[in-house]
Every structure is written in C-alpha cells, then in structure tokens.
Amino acid sequence: MTPEQKMNALFAAEAAPARDYGFQAEVVARIARRRAWMSILSLVPWLIAATAVLWALRPVISTAADRLDPVLVPVAMTLTLIGGSLVAARRLTRRLGRA
C-alpha cells in the first residue's frame, strides 16, 4: 500500500467531526457582545465633543429656553405621551403576535 493510499484509507475511516451548536452559539454571542461594546466605545469621543459644544452654547440655549418655556412644556408633554403610546403599542403587537 502506498503512502497516499494509507492516508486516503485513514481519512475515509474517520467520521466527519460533529458540529457543536452550543459552542457555536456561545462564540456568536461573545462576538456580538464584543461588537456591541466596541460600538458603544466608538461613540465616546462623539459624546465628549457634543458635551463640549453644548457647554459652549449654554448661554444661548438658556436664553432661548426662557423665551420658549411656555411653548416647550406642552409640546414636550405631548411628545412624551405619544412616544410612550407608540412603545406600548409596539410591545403589545409583538407580544400578541407570538401567542
């Protein structure tokens, strides 16, 4: 028997390795977790820059906010109620869709 034939016989005799789905799921979860953290960490410089810009614009914003205060409170309340209603509707449709 030639060495090539011995190798072919050896590889033909072995069964293909079984897939470990638990291991694959854990690896995928770790990769997803790492990507999520990297995405969050990549936003930190933008957060610092936005904080600096808002700090610099504080006098202008406070003056405008004082003038718009009577208008902003009802608008903010309305938008909060609409947002809460949309979130509740989305959760209900997802929950009822599974049942």
PDB file of N, CA and C in Angstrom:
ATOM      1  N   MET A   1       0.843  -1.170   0.000  1.00  0.00           N
ATOM      2  CA  MET A   1       0.000   0.000   0.000  1.00  0.00           C
ATOM      3  C   MET A   1       0.899   1.247   0.000  1.00  0.00           C
ATOM      4  N   THR A   2       0.591   2.169  -0.858  1.00  0.00           N
ATOM      5  CA  THR A   2       1.390   3.389  -0.965  1.00  0.00           C
ATOM      6  C   THR A   2       1.005   4.355   0.160  1.00  0.00           C
ATOM      7  N   PRO A   3       1.870   5.302   0.439  1.00  0.00           N
ATOM      8  CA  PRO A   3       1.533   6.270   1.492  1.00  0.00           C
ATOM      9  C   PRO A   3       0.252   7.052   1.193  1.00  0.00           C
ATOM     10  N   GLU A   4       0.022   7.351  -0.084  1.00  0.00           N
ATOM     11  CA  GLU A   4      -1.213   8.061  -0.430  1.00  0.00           C
ATOM     12  C   GLU A   4      -2.438   7.211  -0.148  1.00  0.00           C
ATOM     13  N   GLN A   5      -2.342   5.934  -0.449  1.00  0.00           N
ATOM     14  CA  GLN A   5      -3.467   5.038  -0.195  1.00  0.00           C
ATOM     15  C   GLN A   5      -3.716   4.886   1.311  1.00  0.00           C
ATOM     16  N   LYS A   6      -2.612   4.858   2.086  1.00  0.00           N
ATOM     17  CA  LYS A   6      -2.770   4.772   3.537  1.00  0.00           C
ATOM     18  C   LYS A   6      -3.473   6.025   4.083  1.00  0.00           C
ATOM     19  N   MET A   7      -3.079   7.182   3.575  1.00  0.00           N
ATOM     20  CA  MET A   7      -3.719   8.419   4.031  1.00  0.00           C
ATOM     21  C   MET A   7      -5.190   8.451   3.632  1.00  0.00           C
ATOM     22  N   ASN A   8      -5.487   8.060   2.408  1.00  0.00           N
ATOM     23  CA  ASN A   8      -6.878   8.030   1.958  1.00  0.00           C
ATOM     24  C   ASN A   8      -7.704   7.060   2.792  1.00  0.00           C
ATOM     25  N   ALA A   9      -7.142   5.905   3.116  1.00  0.00           N
ATOM     26  CA  ALA A   9      -7.857   4.932   3.948  1.00  0.00           C
ATOM     27  C   ALA A   9      -8.066   5.477   5.352  1.00  0.00           C
ATOM     28  N   LEU A  10      -7.057   6.170   5.886  1.00  0.00           N
ATOM     29  CA  LEU A  10      -7.178   6.734   7.228  1.00  0.00           C
ATOM     30  C   LEU A  10      -8.266   7.799   7.276  1.00  0.00           C
ATOM     31  N   PHE A  11      -8.277   8.691   6.283  1.00  0.00           N
ATOM     32  CA  PHE A  11      -9.285   9.749   6.263  1.00  0.00           C
ATOM     33  C   PHE A  11     -10.667   9.200   5.937  1.00  0.00           C
ATOM     34  N   ALA A  12     -10.762   8.169   5.159  1.00  0.00           N
ATOM     35  CA  ALA A  12     -12.067   7.585   4.830  1.00  0.00           C
ATOM     36  C   ALA A  12     -12.656   6.863   6.035  1.00  0.00           C
ATOM     37  N   ALA A  13     -11.812   6.322   6.906  1.00  0.00           N
ATOM     38  CA  ALA A  13     -12.294   5.570   8.059  1.00  0.00           C
ATOM     39  C   ALA A  13     -12.855   6.493   9.147  1.00  0.00           C
ATOM     40  N   GLU A  14     -12.355   7.717   9.233  1.00  0.00           N
ATOM     41  CA  GLU A  14     -12.814   8.628  10.280  1.00  0.00           C
ATOM     42  C   GLU A  14     -14.118   9.301   9.878  1.00  0.00           C
ATOM     43  N   ALA A  15     -14.982   9.427  10.854  1.00  0.00           N
ATOM     44  CA  ALA A  15     -16.244  10.128  10.610  1.00  0.00           C
ATOM     45  C   ALA A  15     -15.983  11.641  10.638  1.00  0.00           C
ATOM     46  N   ALA A  16     -16.827  12.332   9.954  1.00  0.00           N
ATOM     47  CA  ALA A  16     -16.698  13.793   9.949  1.00  0.00           C
ATOM     48  C   ALA A  16     -16.961  14.328  11.359  1.00  0.00           C
ATOM     49  N   PRO A  17     -16.232  15.355  11.764  1.00  0.00           N
ATOM     50  CA  PRO A  17     -16.454  15.871  13.121  1.00  0.00           C
ATOM     51  C   PRO A  17     -17.860  16.452  13.263  1.00  0.00           C
ATOM     52  N   ALA A  18     -18.450  16.192  14.422  1.00  0.00           N
ATOM     53  CA  ALA A  18     -19.793  16.688  14.683  1.00  0.00           C
ATOM     54  C   ALA A  18     -19.730  18.179  15.010  1.00  0.00           C
ATOM     55  N   ARG A  19     -20.767  18.897  14.636  1.00  0.00           N
ATOM     56  CA  ARG A  19     -20.827  20.331  14.936  1.00  0.00           C
ATOM     57  C   ARG A  19     -21.361  20.508  16.348  1.00  0.00           C
ATOM     58  N   ASP A  20     -20.691  21.332  17.103  1.00  0.00           N
ATOM     59  CA  ASP A  20     -21.118  21.635  18.466  1.00  0.00           C
ATOM     60  C   ASP A  20     -21.889  22.947  18.432  1.00  0.00           C
ATOM     61  N   TYR A  21     -23.213  22.837  18.391  1.00  0.00           N
ATOM     62  CA  TYR A  21     -24.055  24.028  18.261  1.00  0.00           C
ATOM     63  C   TYR A  21     -24.001  24.911  19.503  1.00  0.00           C
ATOM     64  N   GLY A  22     -23.833  24.320  20.656  1.00  0.00           N
ATOM     65  CA  GLY A  22     -23.703  25.107  21.876  1.00  0.00           C
ATOM     66  C   GLY A  22     -22.455  25.981  21.846  1.00  0.00           C
ATOM     67  N   PHE A  23     -21.345  25.390  21.414  1.00  0.00           N
ATOM     68  CA  PHE A  23     -20.101  26.148  21.293  1.00  0.00           C
ATOM     69  C   PHE A  23     -20.242  27.252  20.253  1.00  0.00           C
ATOM     70  N   GLN A  24     -20.846  26.932  19.122  1.00  0.00           N
ATOM     71  CA  GLN A  24     -21.032  27.941  18.081  1.00  0.00           C
ATOM     72  C   GLN A  24     -21.919  29.088  18.571  1.00  0.00           C
ATOM     73  N   ALA A  25     -22.969  28.763  19.304  1.00  0.00           N
ATOM     74  CA  ALA A  25     -23.847  29.808  19.836  1.00  0.00           C
ATOM     75  C   ALA A  25     -23.106  30.688  20.835  1.00  0.00           C
ATOM     76  N   GLU A  26     -22.279  30.077  21.666  1.00  0.00           N
ATOM     77  CA  GLU A  26     -21.514  30.859  22.639  1.00  0.00           C
ATOM     78  C   GLU A  26     -20.497  31.765  21.947  1.00  0.00           C
ATOM     79  N   VAL A  27     -19.848  31.272  20.917  1.00  0.00           N
ATOM     80  CA  VAL A  27     -18.883  32.093  20.173  1.00  0.00           C
ATOM     81  C   VAL A  27     -19.594  33.259  19.490  1.00  0.00           C
ATOM     82  N   VAL A  28     -20.742  32.988  18.884  1.00  0.00           N
ATOM     83  CA  VAL A  28     -21.502  34.055  18.224  1.00  0.00           C
ATOM     84  C   VAL A  28     -21.958  35.094  19.245  1.00  0.00           C
ATOM     85  N   ALA A  29     -22.391  34.641  20.426  1.00  0.00           N
ATOM     86  CA  ALA A  29     -22.821  35.572  21.470  1.00  0.00           C
ATOM     87  C   ALA A  29     -21.654  36.435  21.939  1.00  0.00           C
ATOM     88  N   ARG A  30     -20.491  35.838  22.092  1.00  0.00           N
ATOM     89  CA  ARG A  30     -19.317  36.620  22.516  1.00  0.00           C
ATOM     90  C   ARG A  30     -18.915  37.629  21.456  1.00  0.00           C
ATOM     91  N   ILE A  31     -18.974  37.234  20.204  1.00  0.00           N
ATOM     92  CA  ILE A  31     -18.639  38.162  19.120  1.00  0.00           C
ATOM     93  C   ILE A  31     -19.635  39.318  19.100  1.00  0.00           C
ATOM     94  N   ALA A  32     -20.916  39.021  19.254  1.00  0.00           N
ATOM     95  CA  ALA A  32     -21.936  40.069  19.260  1.00  0.00           C
ATOM     96  C   ALA A  32     -21.749  41.003  20.449  1.00  0.00           C
ATOM     97  N   ARG A  33     -21.433  40.440  21.614  1.00  0.00           N
ATOM     98  CA  ARG A  33     -21.204  41.258  22.802  1.00  0.00           C
ATOM     99  C   ARG A  33     -19.993  42.173  22.606  1.00  0.00           C
ATOM    100  N   ARG A  34     -18.929  41.627  22.026  1.00  0.00           N
ATOM    101  CA  ARG A  34     -17.725  42.431  21.777  1.00  0.00           C
ATOM    102  C   ARG A  34     -18.012  43.547  20.781  1.00  0.00           C
ATOM    103  N   ARG A  35     -18.756  43.241  19.719  1.00  0.00           N
ATOM    104  CA  ARG A  35     -19.111  44.275  18.739  1.00  0.00           C
ATOM    105  C   ARG A  35     -19.977  45.361  19.364  1.00  0.00           C
ATOM    106  N   ALA A  36     -20.889  44.968  20.248  1.00  0.00           N
ATOM    107  CA  ALA A  36     -21.737  45.954  20.913  1.00  0.00           C
ATOM    108  C   ALA A  36     -20.893  46.884  21.774  1.00  0.00           C
ATOM    109  N   TRP A  37     -19.952  46.325  22.536  1.00  0.00           N
ATOM    110  CA  TRP A  37     -19.097  47.168  23.364  1.00  0.00           C
ATOM    111  C   TRP A  37     -18.217  48.074  22.508  1.00  0.00           C
ATOM    112  N   MET A  38     -17.710  47.546  21.405  1.00  0.00           N
ATOM    113  CA  MET A  38     -16.882  48.371  20.526  1.00  0.00           C
ATOM    114  C   MET A  38     -17.701  49.507  19.916  1.00  0.00           C
ATOM    115  N   SER A  39     -18.953  49.238  19.590  1.00  0.00           N
ATOM    116  CA  SER A  39     -19.821  50.298  19.065  1.00  0.00           C
ATOM    117  C   SER A  39     -20.056  51.375  20.115  1.00  0.00           C
ATOM    118  N   ILE A  40     -20.291  50.959  21.332  1.00  0.00           N
ATOM    119  CA  ILE A  40     -20.510  51.927  22.408  1.00  0.00           C
ATOM    120  C   ILE A  40     -19.249  52.739  22.664  1.00  0.00           C
ATOM    121  N   LEU A  41     -18.116  52.068  22.703  1.00  0.00           N
ATOM    122  CA  LEU A  41     -16.858  52.779  22.961  1.00  0.00           C
ATOM    123  C   LEU A  41     -16.478  53.712  21.820  1.00  0.00           C
ATOM    124  N   SER A  42     -16.894  53.377  20.607  1.00  0.00           N
ATOM    125  CA  SER A  42     -16.579  54.275  19.489  1.00  0.00           C
ATOM    126  C   SER A  42     -17.402  55.563  19.545  1.00  0.00           C
ATOM    127  N   LEU A  43     -18.495  55.565  20.304  1.00  0.00           N
ATOM    128  CA  LEU A  43     -19.324  56.763  20.438  1.00  0.00           C
ATOM    129  C   LEU A  43     -18.843  57.710  21.531  1.00  0.00           C
ATOM    130  N   VAL A  44     -17.915  57.280  22.364  1.00  0.00           N
ATOM    131  CA  VAL A  44     -17.441  58.115  23.472  1.00  0.00           C
ATOM    132  C   VAL A  44     -16.828  59.429  22.985  1.00  0.00           C
ATOM    133  N   PRO A  45     -15.951  59.448  21.959  1.00  0.00           N
ATOM    134  CA  PRO A  45     -15.428  60.750  21.508  1.00  0.00           C
ATOM    135  C   PRO A  45     -16.530  61.693  21.019  1.00  0.00           C
ATOM    136  N   TRP A  46     -17.551  61.157  20.360  1.00  0.00           N
ATOM    137  CA  TRP A  46     -18.668  61.994  19.917  1.00  0.00           C
ATOM    138  C   TRP A  46     -19.433  62.553  21.108  1.00  0.00           C
ATOM    139  N   LEU A  47     -19.584  61.765  22.141  1.00  0.00           N
ATOM    140  CA  LEU A  47     -20.254  62.221  23.352  1.00  0.00           C
ATOM    141  C   LEU A  47     -19.479  63.363  24.002  1.00  0.00           C
ATOM    142  N   ILE A  48     -18.173  63.230  24.056  1.00  0.00           N
ATOM    143  CA  ILE A  48     -17.340  64.286  24.646  1.00  0.00           C
ATOM    144  C   ILE A  48     -17.431  65.560  23.812  1.00  0.00           C
ATOM    145  N   ALA A  49     -17.376  65.410  22.486  1.00  0.00           N
ATOM    146  CA  ALA A  49     -17.466  66.590  21.611  1.00  0.00           C
ATOM    147  C   ALA A  49     -18.827  67.271  21.742  1.00  0.00           C
ATOM    148  N   ALA A  50     -19.894  66.488  21.776  1.00  0.00           N
ATOM    149  CA  ALA A  50     -21.235  67.073  21.912  1.00  0.00           C
ATOM    150  C   ALA A  50     -21.391  67.769  23.257  1.00  0.00           C
ATOM    151  N   THR A  51     -20.818  67.196  24.315  1.00  0.00           N
ATOM    152  CA  THR A  51     -20.876  67.832  25.628  1.00  0.00           C
ATOM    153  C   THR A  51     -20.149  69.171  25.613  1.00  0.00           C
ATOM    154  N   ALA A  52     -18.991  69.218  24.971  1.00  0.00           N
ATOM    155  CA  ALA A  52     -18.239  70.470  24.898  1.00  0.00           C
ATOM    156  C   ALA A  52     -19.002  71.525  24.105  1.00  0.00           C
ATOM    157  N   VAL A  53     -19.622  71.127  23.001  1.00  0.00           N
ATOM    158  CA  VAL A  53     -20.386  72.088  22.188  1.00  0.00           C
ATOM    159  C   VAL A  53     -21.586  72.617  22.973  1.00  0.00           C
ATOM    160  N   LEU A  54     -22.312  71.724  23.633  1.00  0.00           N
ATOM    161  CA  LEU A  54     -23.465  72.170  24.418  1.00  0.00           C
ATOM    162  C   LEU A  54     -23.048  73.053  25.596  1.00  0.00           C
ATOM    163  N   TRP A  55     -21.917  72.755  26.204  1.00  0.00           N
ATOM    164  CA  TRP A  55     -21.425  73.590  27.287  1.00  0.00           C
ATOM    165  C   TRP A  55     -21.098  74.994  26.769  1.00  0.00           C
ATOM    166  N   ALA A  56     -20.513  75.051  25.563  1.00  0.00           N
ATOM    167  CA  ALA A  56     -20.178  76.356  24.983  1.00  0.00           C
ATOM    168  C   ALA A  56     -21.433  77.127  24.583  1.00  0.00           C
ATOM    169  N   LEU A  57     -22.488  76.416  24.187  1.00  0.00           N
ATOM    170  CA  LEU A  57     -23.724  77.072  23.756  1.00  0.00           C
ATOM    171  C   LEU A  57     -24.720  77.288  24.902  1.00  0.00           C
ATOM    172  N   ARG A  58     -24.320  76.999  26.114  1.00  0.00           N
ATOM    173  CA  ARG A  58     -25.224  77.103  27.253  1.00  0.00           C
ATOM    174  C   ARG A  58     -25.870  78.471  27.403  1.00  0.00           C
ATOM    175  N   PRO A  59     -25.145  79.575  27.263  1.00  0.00           N
ATOM    176  CA  PRO A  59     -25.819  80.878  27.412  1.00  0.00           C
ATOM    177  C   PRO A  59     -26.894  81.117  26.350  1.00  0.00           C
ATOM    178  N   VAL A  60     -26.611  80.718  25.130  1.00  0.00           N
ATOM    179  CA  VAL A  60     -27.585  80.911  24.053  1.00  0.00           C
ATOM    180  C   VAL A  60     -28.805  80.021  24.281  1.00  0.00           C
ATOM    181  N   ILE A  61     -28.569  78.783  24.679  1.00  0.00           N
ATOM    182  CA  ILE A  61     -29.667  77.842  24.896  1.00  0.00           C
ATOM    183  C   ILE A  61     -30.546  78.283  26.065  1.00  0.00           C
ATOM    184  N   SER A  62     -29.916  78.759  27.142  1.00  0.00           N
ATOM    185  CA  SER A  62     -30.723  79.167  28.300  1.00  0.00           C
ATOM    186  C   SER A  62     -31.589  80.380  27.974  1.00  0.00           C
ATOM    187  N   THR A  63     -31.069  81.315  27.173  1.00  0.00           N
ATOM    188  CA  THR A  63     -31.867  82.480  26.775  1.00  0.00           C
ATOM    189  C   THR A  63     -33.050  82.052  25.912  1.00  0.00           C
ATOM    190  N   ALA A  64     -32.786  81.183  24.964  1.00  0.00           N
ATOM    191  CA  ALA A  64     -33.860  80.708  24.096  1.00  0.00           C
ATOM    192  C   ALA A  64     -34.871  79.877  24.879  1.00  0.00           C
ATOM    193  N   ALA A  65     -34.390  79.089  25.815  1.00  0.00           N
ATOM    194  CA  ALA A  65     -35.297  78.248  26.608  1.00  0.00           C
ATOM    195  C   ALA A  65     -36.213  79.095  27.485  1.00  0.00           C
ATOM    196  N   ASP A  66     -35.683  80.202  28.011  1.00  0.00           N
ATOM    197  CA  ASP A  66     -36.530  81.075  28.834  1.00  0.00           C
ATOM    198  C   ASP A  66     -37.663  81.679  28.011  1.00  0.00           C
ATOM    199  N   ARG A  67     -37.369  82.023  26.782  1.00  0.00           N
ATOM    200  CA  ARG A  67     -38.395  82.625  25.921  1.00  0.00           C
ATOM    201  C   ARG A  67     -39.405  81.592  25.430  1.00  0.00           C
ATOM    202  N   LEU A  68     -38.939  80.357  25.205  1.00  0.00           N
ATOM    203  CA  LEU A  68     -39.819  79.324  24.656  1.00  0.00           C
ATOM    204  C   LEU A  68     -40.446  78.432  25.723  1.00  0.00           C
ATOM    205  N   ASP A  69     -40.213  78.720  26.991  1.00  0.00           N
ATOM    206  CA  ASP A  69     -40.719  77.878  28.069  1.00  0.00           C
ATOM    207  C   ASP A  69     -42.226  77.660  28.024  1.00  0.00           C
ATOM    208  N   PRO A  70     -43.036  78.675  27.787  1.00  0.00           N
ATOM    209  CA  PRO A  70     -44.485  78.421  27.755  1.00  0.00           C
ATOM    210  C   PRO A  70     -44.906  77.486  26.620  1.00  0.00           C
ATOM    211  N   VAL A  71     -44.127  77.430  25.553  1.00  0.00           N
ATOM    212  CA  VAL A  71     -44.483  76.586  24.409  1.00  0.00           C
ATOM    213  C   VAL A  71     -43.887  75.189  24.559  1.00  0.00           C
ATOM    214  N   LEU A  72     -42.678  75.104  25.106  1.00  0.00           N
ATOM    215  CA  LEU A  72     -41.976  73.826  25.158  1.00  0.00           C
ATOM    216  C   LEU A  72     -42.595  72.825  26.122  1.00  0.00           C
ATOM    217  N   VAL A  73     -43.142  73.271  27.213  1.00  0.00           N
ATOM    218  CA  VAL A  73     -43.696  72.341  28.204  1.00  0.00           C
ATOM    219  C   VAL A  73     -44.863  71.540  27.628  1.00  0.00           C
ATOM    220  N   PRO A  74     -45.873  72.143  27.015  1.00  0.00           N
ATOM    221  CA  PRO A  74     -46.951  71.322  26.451  1.00  0.00           C
ATOM    222  C   PRO A  74     -46.491  70.448  25.281  1.00  0.00           C
ATOM    223  N   VAL A  75     -45.591  70.964  24.471  1.00  0.00           N
ATOM    224  CA  VAL A  75     -45.095  70.170  23.346  1.00  0.00           C
ATOM    225  C   VAL A  75     -44.317  68.958  23.848  1.00  0.00           C
ATOM    226  N   ALA A  76     -43.466  69.162  24.844  1.00  0.00           N
ATOM    227  CA  ALA A  76     -42.694  68.055  25.404  1.00  0.00           C
ATOM    228  C   ALA A  76     -43.606  67.015  26.039  1.00  0.00           C
ATOM    229  N   MET A  77     -44.640  67.464  26.740  1.00  0.00           N
ATOM    230  CA  MET A  77     -45.574  66.531  27.356  1.00  0.00           C
ATOM    231  C   MET A  77     -46.316  65.719  26.289  1.00  0.00           C
ATOM    232  N   THR A  78     -46.739  66.392  25.243  1.00  0.00           N
ATOM    233  CA  THR A  78     -47.451  65.711  24.158  1.00  0.00           C
ATOM    234  C   THR A  78     -46.556  64.685  23.478  1.00  0.00           C
ATOM    235  N   LEU A  79     -45.321  65.075  23.175  1.00  0.00           N
ATOM    236  CA  LEU A  79     -44.390  64.145  22.528  1.00  0.00           C
ATOM    237  C   LEU A  79     -44.060  62.960  23.435  1.00  0.00           C
ATOM    238  N   THR A  80     -43.961  63.198  24.739  1.00  0.00           N
ATOM    239  CA  THR A  80     -43.711  62.106  25.678  1.00  0.00           C
ATOM    240  C   THR A  80     -44.884  61.123  25.698  1.00  0.00           C
ATOM    241  N   LEU A  81     -46.089  61.650  25.727  1.00  0.00           N
ATOM    242  CA  LEU A  81     -47.264  60.764  25.717  1.00  0.00           C
ATOM    243  C   LEU A  81     -47.366  59.983  24.416  1.00  0.00           C
ATOM    244  N   ILE A  82     -47.092  60.633  23.287  1.00  0.00           N
ATOM    245  CA  ILE A  82     -47.133  59.932  22.002  1.00  0.00           C
ATOM    246  C   ILE A  82     -46.058  58.853  21.951  1.00  0.00           C
ATOM    247  N   GLY A  83     -44.857  59.173  22.408  1.00  0.00           N
ATOM    248  CA  GLY A  83     -43.775  58.183  22.413  1.00  0.00           C
ATOM    249  C   GLY A  83     -44.092  57.003  23.300  1.00  0.00           C
ATOM    250  N   GLY A  84     -44.623  57.277  24.485  1.00  0.00           N
ATOM    251  CA  GLY A  84     -44.999  56.179  25.381  1.00  0.00           C
ATOM    252  C   GLY A  84     -46.088  55.314  24.790  1.00  0.00           C
ATOM    253  N   SER A  85     -47.052  55.933  24.121  1.00  0.00           N
ATOM    254  CA  SER A  85     -48.120  55.164  23.477  1.00  0.00           C
ATOM    255  C   SER A  85     -47.568  54.289  22.354  1.00  0.00           C
ATOM    256  N   LEU A  86     -46.643  54.829  21.585  1.00  0.00           N
ATOM    257  CA  LEU A  86     -46.050  54.038  20.497  1.00  0.00           C
ATOM    258  C   LEU A  86     -45.240  52.865  21.025  1.00  0.00           C
ATOM    259  N   VAL A  87     -44.493  53.088  22.098  1.00  0.00           N
ATOM    260  CA  VAL A  87     -43.724  51.995  22.691  1.00  0.00           C
ATOM    261  C   VAL A  87     -44.659  50.923  23.231  1.00  0.00           C
ATOM    262  N   ALA A  88     -45.710  51.327  23.931  1.00  0.00           N
ATOM    263  CA  ALA A  88     -46.667  50.365  24.471  1.00  0.00           C
ATOM    264  C   ALA A  88     -47.364  49.598  23.347  1.00  0.00           C
ATOM    265  N   ALA A  89     -47.739  50.283  22.275  1.00  0.00           N
ATOM    266  CA  ALA A  89     -48.394  49.612  21.148  1.00  0.00           C
ATOM    267  C   ALA A  89     -47.449  48.616  20.493  1.00  0.00           C
ATOM    268  N   ARG A  90     -46.192  48.991  20.352  1.00  0.00           N
ATOM    269  CA  ARG A  90     -45.210  48.092  19.736  1.00  0.00           C
ATOM    270  C   ARG A  90     -45.022  46.842  20.590  1.00  0.00           C
ATOM    271  N   ARG A  91     -44.932  47.013  21.906  1.00  0.00           N
ATOM    272  CA  ARG A  91     -44.770  45.851  22.782  1.00  0.00           C
ATOM    273  C   ARG A  91     -45.993  44.950  22.749  1.00  0.00           C
ATOM    274  N   LEU A  92     -47.163  45.550  22.738  1.00  0.00           N
ATOM    275  CA  LEU A  92     -48.380  44.739  22.693  1.00  0.00           C
ATOM    276  C   LEU A  92     -48.482  43.956  21.394  1.00  0.00           C
ATOM    277  N   THR A  93     -48.180  44.590  20.269  1.00  0.00           N
ATOM    278  CA  THR A  93     -48.278  43.871  18.999  1.00  0.00           C
ATOM    279  C   THR A  93     -47.244  42.758  18.920  1.00  0.00           C
ATOM    280  N   ARG A  94     -46.066  42.969  19.472  1.00  0.00           N
ATOM    281  CA  ARG A  94     -45.063  41.898  19.454  1.00  0.00           C
ATOM    282  C   ARG A  94     -45.481  40.758  20.370  1.00  0.00           C
ATOM    283  N   ARG A  95     -46.025  41.103  21.549  1.00  0.00           N
ATOM    284  CA  ARG A  95     -46.431  40.071  22.494  1.00  0.00           C
ATOM    285  C   ARG A  95     -47.619  39.279  21.957  1.00  0.00           C
ATOM    286  N   LEU A  96     -48.603  39.965  21.390  1.00  0.00           N
ATOM    287  CA  LEU A  96     -49.777  39.282  20.853  1.00  0.00           C
ATOM    288  C   LEU A  96     -49.443  38.510  19.586  1.00  0.00           C
ATOM    289  N   GLY A  97     -48.427  38.949  18.876  1.00  0.00           N
ATOM    290  CA  GLY A  97     -48.018  38.248  17.660  1.00  0.00           C
ATOM    291  C   GLY A  97     -47.396  36.890  17.952  1.00  0.00           C
ATOM    292  N   ARG A  98     -46.790  36.744  19.119  1.00  0.00           N
ATOM    293  CA  ARG A  98     -46.158  35.478  19.488  1.00  0.00           C
ATOM    294  C   ARG A  98     -47.170  34.451  19.960  1.00  0.00           C
ATOM    295  N   ALA A  99     -48.261  34.905  20.526  1.00  0.00           N
ATOM    296  CA  ALA A  99     -49.242  33.983  21.113  1.00  0.00           C
ATOM    297  C   ALA A  99     -50.007  33.204  20.083  1.00  0.00           C
TER     298      ALA A  99
END
